[in-house]
Protein backbone atom coordinates (compact mmCIF):
# COMPACT_ATOMS: atom_id res chain seq x y z
CA MET A 1 89.50 -150.61 65.25
CA LYS A 2 86.23 -150.58 63.32
CA LYS A 3 86.47 -148.88 59.93
CA LEU A 4 83.82 -146.46 58.76
CA GLN A 5 81.65 -148.36 56.30
CA GLU A 6 79.45 -145.55 55.04
CA ALA A 7 79.04 -141.85 55.79
CA VAL A 8 75.64 -140.25 55.33
CA ILE A 9 75.08 -136.51 55.10
CA VAL A 10 71.42 -135.94 55.87
CA ASP A 11 71.12 -132.17 55.64
CA SER A 12 72.93 -128.98 56.54
CA ILE A 13 72.17 -125.68 58.23
CA ARG A 14 74.24 -122.53 58.41
CA THR A 15 74.25 -120.72 61.73
CA PRO A 16 74.24 -116.93 61.91
CA VAL A 17 77.64 -115.27 61.84
CA GLY A 18 78.32 -112.55 64.37
CA LYS A 19 81.19 -110.28 65.15
CA TYR A 20 83.31 -110.11 68.29
CA GLY A 21 81.22 -108.53 71.05
CA GLY A 22 78.18 -108.38 68.75
CA ILE A 23 74.58 -109.47 69.14
CA LEU A 24 75.50 -113.17 69.46
CA SER A 25 78.18 -112.60 72.11
CA SER A 26 75.86 -113.77 74.89
CA VAL A 27 74.98 -117.03 73.08
CA ARG A 28 77.16 -120.00 74.03
CA PRO A 29 78.55 -121.84 70.98
CA ASP A 30 77.35 -125.23 72.24
CA ASP A 31 73.80 -123.90 72.74
CA LEU A 32 73.73 -122.56 69.18
CA ALA A 33 75.18 -125.83 67.86
CA ALA A 34 72.65 -127.87 69.87
CA LEU A 35 69.82 -125.92 68.23
CA VAL A 36 71.24 -126.82 64.81
CA ILE A 37 71.58 -130.53 65.66
CA LYS A 38 68.11 -130.70 67.21
CA THR A 39 66.57 -128.95 64.19
CA LEU A 40 68.28 -131.31 61.73
CA VAL A 41 67.13 -134.37 63.70
CA GLU A 42 63.54 -133.12 63.87
CA ARG A 43 63.12 -131.91 60.29
CA ASN A 44 64.64 -135.10 58.85
CA ASN A 45 62.96 -137.53 61.27
CA VAL A 46 66.32 -139.04 62.27
CA ASP A 47 66.34 -141.95 64.71
CA VAL A 48 68.95 -140.69 67.18
CA ASN A 49 69.73 -144.28 68.17
CA GLN A 50 71.14 -144.82 64.67
CA VAL A 51 73.57 -141.88 64.94
CA GLU A 52 77.17 -143.00 65.52
CA ASP A 53 79.15 -139.78 65.11
CA VAL A 54 78.54 -136.05 64.94
CA VAL A 55 81.06 -133.88 63.12
CA PHE A 56 80.62 -130.19 63.67
CA GLY A 57 82.77 -127.27 62.48
CA ASP A 58 84.02 -125.07 65.31
CA SER A 59 86.08 -121.93 65.26
CA ASN A 60 88.32 -119.99 67.64
CA GLN A 61 87.04 -121.12 71.02
CA ALA A 62 88.73 -119.52 74.00
CA GLY A 63 88.35 -119.27 77.75
CA GLU A 64 85.20 -120.95 79.04
CA ASP A 65 84.28 -121.96 75.49
CA ASN A 66 87.57 -123.83 75.01
CA ARG A 67 86.02 -127.31 75.21
CA ASP A 68 84.62 -129.96 72.91
CA VAL A 69 81.76 -127.86 71.53
CA SER A 70 80.53 -130.66 69.27
CA ARG A 71 80.27 -133.14 72.15
CA MET A 72 78.49 -130.68 74.42
CA ALA A 73 76.14 -129.68 71.59
CA LEU A 74 75.05 -133.23 70.76
CA LEU A 75 74.36 -133.93 74.44
CA LEU A 76 72.40 -130.66 74.82
CA ALA A 77 70.42 -131.62 71.68
CA GLY A 78 69.33 -134.84 73.38
CA LEU A 79 71.38 -137.36 71.42
CA PRO A 80 72.43 -140.48 73.32
CA PHE A 81 75.61 -140.42 75.42
CA LYS A 82 77.07 -143.21 73.22
CA VAL A 83 77.27 -140.93 70.16
CA ALA A 84 80.85 -139.91 69.39
């Protein structure tokens, strides 16, 4: 197993926080997360081919949203399939 040699935090963004059944209830978590990833890549001129991993904080997913939100988000943001 390859050990992590170096972790780089490029930037951060805070997404809006909604309440159950509120204004964000129609927004899928992976779509919102994809917007964040895409924005970070664009505003920091990141070469997506250099990205190895994406770590994304998720909370209380249920039902249809009970999936790997981080994985879906990075794919929706246009990062390569090889990114973990």
